Amino acid sequence: QVQFAESGGGAVQAGGSLRLSCAASGFTFGFRGIDWYRQAPGKQRQLVASINNNGTRTNYADSVKGRFTISRDNAKNTAYLQMNSLKPEDTAVYYCNMRQNGRPTEYWGQGTQVTVSS
């Protein structure tokens, strides 16, 4: 069964950094691209960053470009999101997932909470 387990969130002050991890199981990790999403209270889930199956291509939402870096370690079935220069507007629950037919799968994890104070 496909599973995603996010970790590494926490509470930081503006300007701080966090590194999120996404441990995946139940599928051939190295064959699939991975996306990071976030959902702030009262807002829709937003795609934050994407990485292709072998890590050679990445994409970022404009709001995080230059501050966040997505990466992966296929030997560990794990993806990462390094978040620097955090802002209060980055406060959200962060999730990882893969896409099927161009859309995220139904296999959402519990997410990891990131709270940035000013």
N, C-alpha and C. Protein backbone atom coordinates (compact mmCIF):
# COMPACT_ATOMS: atom_id res chain seq x y z
N GLN A 1 0.85 -1.19 0.00
CA GLN A 1 0.00 0.00 0.00
C GLN A 1 0.88 1.24 0.00
N VAL A 2 0.48 2.21 -0.82
CA VAL A 2 1.24 3.46 -0.90
C VAL A 2 1.09 4.24 0.40
N GLN A 3 2.20 4.70 0.93
CA GLN A 3 2.19 5.52 2.13
C GLN A 3 3.23 6.63 2.02
N PHE A 4 2.86 7.78 2.57
CA PHE A 4 3.78 8.90 2.70
C PHE A 4 3.79 9.33 4.15
N ALA A 5 4.99 9.55 4.71
CA ALA A 5 5.12 9.99 6.09
C ALA A 5 6.01 11.22 6.13
N GLU A 6 5.41 12.35 6.45
CA GLU A 6 6.14 13.61 6.50
C GLU A 6 6.62 13.87 7.93
N SER A 7 7.78 14.51 8.03
CA SER A 7 8.33 14.86 9.34
C SER A 7 9.25 16.06 9.20
N GLY A 8 9.65 16.60 10.34
CA GLY A 8 10.62 17.69 10.35
C GLY A 8 10.05 19.08 10.57
N GLY A 9 8.73 19.18 10.67
CA GLY A 9 8.14 20.49 10.90
C GLY A 9 8.42 20.99 12.31
N GLY A 10 8.00 22.21 12.56
CA GLY A 10 8.19 22.79 13.89
C GLY A 10 7.84 24.25 13.88
N ALA A 11 8.17 24.91 14.98
CA ALA A 11 7.91 26.34 15.13
C ALA A 11 9.24 27.08 15.09
N VAL A 12 9.33 28.06 14.19
CA VAL A 12 10.55 28.85 14.04
C VAL A 12 10.18 30.32 13.90
N GLN A 13 11.16 31.16 14.10
CA GLN A 13 10.96 32.59 13.87
C GLN A 13 11.22 32.91 12.41
N ALA A 14 10.67 34.00 11.96
CA ALA A 14 10.90 34.46 10.60
C ALA A 14 12.39 34.57 10.33
N GLY A 15 12.78 34.11 9.14
CA GLY A 15 14.19 34.08 8.78
C GLY A 15 14.87 32.76 9.08
N GLY A 16 14.20 31.90 9.82
CA GLY A 16 14.77 30.62 10.19
C GLY A 16 14.66 29.58 9.08
N SER A 17 15.12 28.38 9.40
CA SER A 17 15.16 27.29 8.43
C SER A 17 14.60 26.00 9.03
N LEU A 18 14.06 25.18 8.17
CA LEU A 18 13.63 23.83 8.53
C LEU A 18 13.90 22.91 7.36
N ARG A 19 14.10 21.63 7.66
CA ARG A 19 14.24 20.62 6.61
C ARG A 19 13.18 19.56 6.83
N LEU A 20 12.28 19.45 5.88
CA LEU A 20 11.23 18.45 5.94
C LEU A 20 11.67 17.18 5.23
N SER A 21 11.19 16.05 5.73
CA SER A 21 11.45 14.76 5.10
C SER A 21 10.14 14.08 4.73
N CYS A 22 10.19 13.31 3.66
CA CYS A 22 9.03 12.56 3.18
C CYS A 22 9.48 11.13 2.93
N ALA A 23 9.11 10.23 3.82
CA ALA A 23 9.44 8.82 3.66
C ALA A 23 8.30 8.12 2.93
N ALA A 24 8.62 7.49 1.81
CA ALA A 24 7.60 6.88 0.96
C ALA A 24 7.76 5.36 0.95
N SER A 25 6.65 4.67 0.78
CA SER A 25 6.69 3.22 0.70
C SER A 25 5.50 2.73 -0.12
N GLY A 26 5.58 1.47 -0.57
CA GLY A 26 4.47 0.85 -1.28
C GLY A 26 4.50 1.00 -2.78
N PHE A 27 5.57 1.62 -3.30
CA PHE A 27 5.72 1.75 -4.75
C PHE A 27 7.20 1.91 -5.05
N THR A 28 7.55 1.84 -6.33
CA THR A 28 8.95 1.98 -6.73
C THR A 28 9.30 3.46 -6.75
N PHE A 29 9.89 3.92 -5.67
CA PHE A 29 10.12 5.35 -5.45
C PHE A 29 10.90 5.98 -6.59
N GLY A 30 11.92 5.31 -7.07
CA GLY A 30 12.79 5.89 -8.09
C GLY A 30 12.15 6.03 -9.45
N PHE A 31 10.94 5.53 -9.61
CA PHE A 31 10.24 5.63 -10.88
C PHE A 31 9.29 6.83 -10.94
N ARG A 32 9.08 7.51 -9.79
CA ARG A 32 8.01 8.51 -9.71
C ARG A 32 8.52 9.87 -9.25
N GLY A 33 7.98 10.91 -9.88
CA GLY A 33 8.23 12.25 -9.36
C GLY A 33 7.52 12.44 -8.04
N ILE A 34 8.00 13.39 -7.27
CA ILE A 34 7.43 13.68 -5.95
C ILE A 34 7.13 15.18 -5.85
N ASP A 35 6.01 15.49 -5.24
CA ASP A 35 5.61 16.88 -5.03
C ASP A 35 5.48 17.17 -3.54
N TRP A 36 5.78 18.40 -3.17
CA TRP A 36 5.46 18.90 -1.83
C TRP A 36 4.31 19.90 -1.97
N TYR A 37 3.33 19.77 -1.09
CA TYR A 37 2.18 20.67 -1.03
C TYR A 37 2.12 21.28 0.36
N ARG A 38 1.35 22.35 0.48
CA ARG A 38 1.06 22.90 1.80
C ARG A 38 -0.38 23.40 1.84
N GLN A 39 -0.93 23.38 3.04
CA GLN A 39 -2.29 23.89 3.23
C GLN A 39 -2.33 24.72 4.49
N ALA A 40 -2.63 25.99 4.32
CA ALA A 40 -2.77 26.91 5.44
C ALA A 40 -4.24 26.90 5.89
N PRO A 41 -4.50 27.27 7.13
CA PRO A 41 -5.89 27.27 7.63
C PRO A 41 -6.80 28.10 6.75
N GLY A 42 -7.92 27.52 6.35
CA GLY A 42 -8.91 28.22 5.55
C GLY A 42 -8.54 28.40 4.09
N LYS A 43 -7.44 27.78 3.67
CA LYS A 43 -7.00 27.93 2.28
C LYS A 43 -6.92 26.57 1.60
N GLN A 44 -6.90 26.59 0.27
CA GLN A 44 -6.77 25.36 -0.48
C GLN A 44 -5.32 24.86 -0.44
N ARG A 45 -5.19 23.58 -0.64
CA ARG A 45 -3.86 22.99 -0.71
C ARG A 45 -3.13 23.55 -1.93
N GLN A 46 -1.85 23.89 -1.73
CA GLN A 46 -1.05 24.54 -2.76
C GLN A 46 0.17 23.70 -3.09
N LEU A 47 0.45 23.54 -4.38
CA LEU A 47 1.66 22.86 -4.81
C LEU A 47 2.85 23.80 -4.58
N VAL A 48 3.85 23.31 -3.86
CA VAL A 48 4.99 24.13 -3.49
C VAL A 48 6.21 23.82 -4.33
N ALA A 49 6.51 22.54 -4.51
CA ALA A 49 7.73 22.15 -5.22
C ALA A 49 7.56 20.75 -5.79
N SER A 50 8.27 20.50 -6.90
CA SER A 50 8.21 19.20 -7.55
C SER A 50 9.61 18.78 -7.95
N ILE A 51 9.81 17.47 -7.98
CA ILE A 51 11.08 16.92 -8.43
C ILE A 51 10.79 15.68 -9.27
N ASN A 52 11.55 15.49 -10.34
CA ASN A 52 11.29 14.33 -11.18
C ASN A 52 11.92 13.08 -10.56
N ASN A 53 11.77 11.96 -11.23
CA ASN A 53 12.12 10.68 -10.61
C ASN A 53 13.59 10.55 -10.24
N ASN A 54 14.47 11.16 -11.05
CA ASN A 54 15.90 11.01 -10.77
C ASN A 54 16.54 12.29 -10.22
N GLY A 55 15.73 13.27 -9.92
CA GLY A 55 16.24 14.48 -9.28
C GLY A 55 16.89 15.49 -10.19
N THR A 56 16.76 15.30 -11.49
CA THR A 56 17.43 16.22 -12.42
C THR A 56 16.61 17.44 -12.78
N ARG A 57 15.34 17.40 -12.46
CA ARG A 57 14.46 18.56 -12.74
C ARG A 57 13.63 18.90 -11.53
N THR A 58 13.57 20.18 -11.24
CA THR A 58 12.77 20.68 -10.12
C THR A 58 11.95 21.88 -10.56
N ASN A 59 10.85 22.10 -9.88
CA ASN A 59 10.01 23.27 -10.11
C ASN A 59 9.49 23.79 -8.78
N TYR A 60 9.28 25.10 -8.73
CA TYR A 60 8.85 25.72 -7.48
C TYR A 60 7.74 26.73 -7.73
N ALA A 61 6.87 26.86 -6.74
CA ALA A 61 5.91 27.95 -6.77
C ALA A 61 6.66 29.27 -6.65
N ASP A 62 6.15 30.30 -7.28
CA ASP A 62 6.83 31.59 -7.25
C ASP A 62 7.05 32.07 -5.81
N SER A 63 6.13 31.74 -4.94
CA SER A 63 6.19 32.24 -3.57
C SER A 63 7.36 31.66 -2.77
N VAL A 64 7.94 30.56 -3.24
CA VAL A 64 9.04 29.92 -2.49
C VAL A 64 10.33 29.86 -3.28
N LYS A 65 10.28 30.28 -4.53
CA LYS A 65 11.46 30.20 -5.39
C LYS A 65 12.61 30.99 -4.78
N GLY A 66 13.78 30.36 -4.75
CA GLY A 66 14.96 31.01 -4.18
C GLY A 66 15.12 30.79 -2.68
N ARG A 67 14.08 30.28 -2.03
CA ARG A 67 14.14 30.03 -0.59
C ARG A 67 14.05 28.55 -0.24
N PHE A 68 13.28 27.80 -1.02
CA PHE A 68 13.08 26.37 -0.77
C PHE A 68 13.85 25.56 -1.80
N THR A 69 14.32 24.38 -1.37
CA THR A 69 15.00 23.46 -2.27
C THR A 69 14.46 22.05 -2.05
N ILE A 70 13.99 21.45 -3.12
CA ILE A 70 13.50 20.08 -3.06
C ILE A 70 14.61 19.15 -3.53
N SER A 71 14.72 17.99 -2.88
CA SER A 71 15.73 17.01 -3.26
C SER A 71 15.20 15.62 -2.91
N ARG A 72 15.96 14.60 -3.30
CA ARG A 72 15.52 13.23 -3.00
C ARG A 72 16.72 12.33 -2.90
N ASP A 73 16.55 11.24 -2.16
CA ASP A 73 17.53 10.18 -2.05
C ASP A 73 16.81 8.88 -2.38
N ASN A 74 16.97 8.41 -3.61
CA ASN A 74 16.22 7.22 -4.04
C ASN A 74 16.66 5.97 -3.28
N ALA A 75 17.88 5.95 -2.80
CA ALA A 75 18.33 4.80 -2.02
C ALA A 75 17.60 4.70 -0.68
N LYS A 76 17.11 5.82 -0.20
CA LYS A 76 16.41 5.86 1.09
C LYS A 76 14.90 6.01 0.93
N ASN A 77 14.41 6.05 -0.32
CA ASN A 77 12.98 6.26 -0.58
C ASN A 77 12.47 7.50 0.15
N THR A 78 13.26 8.54 0.11
CA THR A 78 12.94 9.75 0.87
C THR A 78 13.15 11.00 0.02
N ALA A 79 12.22 11.92 0.14
CA ALA A 79 12.35 13.24 -0.46
C ALA A 79 12.47 14.28 0.65
N TYR A 80 13.03 15.41 0.29
CA TYR A 80 13.28 16.45 1.30
C TYR A 80 12.81 17.81 0.78
N LEU A 81 12.54 18.70 1.72
CA LEU A 81 12.27 20.09 1.37
C LEU A 81 13.04 20.96 2.35
N GLN A 82 14.11 21.57 1.87
CA GLN A 82 14.88 22.50 2.68
C GLN A 82 14.25 23.87 2.54
N MET A 83 13.88 24.44 3.66
CA MET A 83 13.17 25.72 3.67
C MET A 83 14.02 26.74 4.43
N ASN A 84 14.46 27.75 3.72
CA ASN A 84 15.27 28.82 4.31
C ASN A 84 14.52 30.14 4.24
N SER A 85 14.99 31.11 5.00
CA SER A 85 14.39 32.45 5.00
C SER A 85 12.88 32.36 5.16
N LEU A 86 12.45 31.59 6.12
CA LEU A 86 11.02 31.35 6.31
C LEU A 86 10.29 32.63 6.67
N LYS A 87 9.06 32.72 6.19
CA LYS A 87 8.19 33.87 6.43
C LYS A 87 6.92 33.40 7.14
N PRO A 88 6.25 34.30 7.85
CA PRO A 88 4.98 33.90 8.50
C PRO A 88 3.97 33.30 7.51
N GLU A 89 3.98 33.75 6.28
CA GLU A 89 3.04 33.23 5.30
C GLU A 89 3.38 31.81 4.84
N ASP A 90 4.51 31.28 5.27
CA ASP A 90 4.83 29.88 5.00
C ASP A 90 4.18 28.94 6.01
N THR A 91 3.54 29.49 7.02
CA THR A 91 2.86 28.68 8.02
C THR A 91 1.78 27.84 7.37
N ALA A 92 1.85 26.53 7.57
CA ALA A 92 0.91 25.60 6.93
C ALA A 92 1.26 24.18 7.37
N VAL A 93 0.38 23.26 7.01
CA VAL A 93 0.71 21.83 7.11
C VAL A 93 1.28 21.43 5.75
N TYR A 94 2.43 20.77 5.78
CA TYR A 94 3.12 20.38 4.56
C TYR A 94 2.96 18.88 4.31
N TYR A 95 2.67 18.54 3.06
CA TYR A 95 2.43 17.17 2.64
C TYR A 95 3.28 16.84 1.43
N CYS A 96 3.57 15.56 1.26
CA CYS A 96 4.18 15.10 0.01
C CYS A 96 3.25 14.09 -0.65
N ASN A 97 3.43 13.93 -1.94
CA ASN A 97 2.60 13.00 -2.70
C ASN A 97 3.23 12.80 -4.07
N MET A 98 2.70 11.91 -4.84
CA MET A 98 3.08 11.74 -6.23
C MET A 98 1.82 11.94 -7.07
N ARG A 99 2.01 12.04 -8.36
CA ARG A 99 0.86 12.26 -9.23
C ARG A 99 0.52 10.99 -10.00
N GLN A 100 -0.75 10.88 -10.29
CA GLN A 100 -1.26 9.84 -11.16
C GLN A 100 -2.24 10.48 -12.12
N ASN A 101 -2.01 10.31 -13.40
CA ASN A 101 -2.84 10.97 -14.41
C ASN A 101 -2.86 12.49 -14.21
N GLY A 102 -1.71 13.02 -13.79
CA GLY A 102 -1.58 14.46 -13.67
C GLY A 102 -2.13 15.06 -12.39
N ARG A 103 -2.65 14.23 -11.50
CA ARG A 103 -3.24 14.74 -10.26
C ARG A 103 -2.63 13.99 -9.07
N PRO A 104 -2.59 14.63 -7.90
CA PRO A 104 -2.07 13.92 -6.72
C PRO A 104 -2.92 12.69 -6.42
N THR A 105 -2.27 11.66 -5.89
CA THR A 105 -3.00 10.45 -5.54
C THR A 105 -3.83 10.70 -4.28
N GLU A 106 -4.63 9.70 -3.94
CA GLU A 106 -5.46 9.80 -2.73
C GLU A 106 -4.68 9.49 -1.46
N TYR A 107 -3.42 9.11 -1.62
CA TYR A 107 -2.64 8.62 -0.49
C TYR A 107 -1.92 9.74 0.25
N TRP A 108 -2.69 10.60 0.87
CA TRP A 108 -2.10 11.69 1.65
C TRP A 108 -1.66 11.18 3.02
N GLY A 109 -0.50 11.66 3.46
CA GLY A 109 -0.05 11.38 4.81
C GLY A 109 -0.69 12.34 5.80
N GLN A 110 -0.20 12.33 7.03
CA GLN A 110 -0.74 13.21 8.05
C GLN A 110 -0.17 14.62 7.95
N GLY A 111 0.89 14.77 7.21
CA GLY A 111 1.49 16.08 7.06
C GLY A 111 2.36 16.45 8.26
N THR A 112 3.08 17.54 8.12
CA THR A 112 3.90 18.05 9.22
C THR A 112 3.67 19.55 9.32
N GLN A 113 3.41 20.02 10.53
CA GLN A 113 3.05 21.41 10.75
C GLN A 113 4.30 22.30 10.78
N VAL A 114 4.24 23.38 10.03
CA VAL A 114 5.28 24.41 10.05
C VAL A 114 4.63 25.70 10.51
N THR A 115 5.18 26.28 11.56
CA THR A 115 4.66 27.54 12.09
C THR A 115 5.79 28.55 12.16
N VAL A 116 5.61 29.68 11.47
CA VAL A 116 6.64 30.71 11.43
C VAL A 116 6.08 31.97 12.09
N SER A 117 6.75 32.41 13.12
CA SER A 117 6.30 33.61 13.84
C SER A 117 7.14 34.82 13.43
N SER A 118 6.49 35.97 13.50
CA SER A 118 7.18 37.21 13.08
C SER A 118 7.93 37.84 14.24
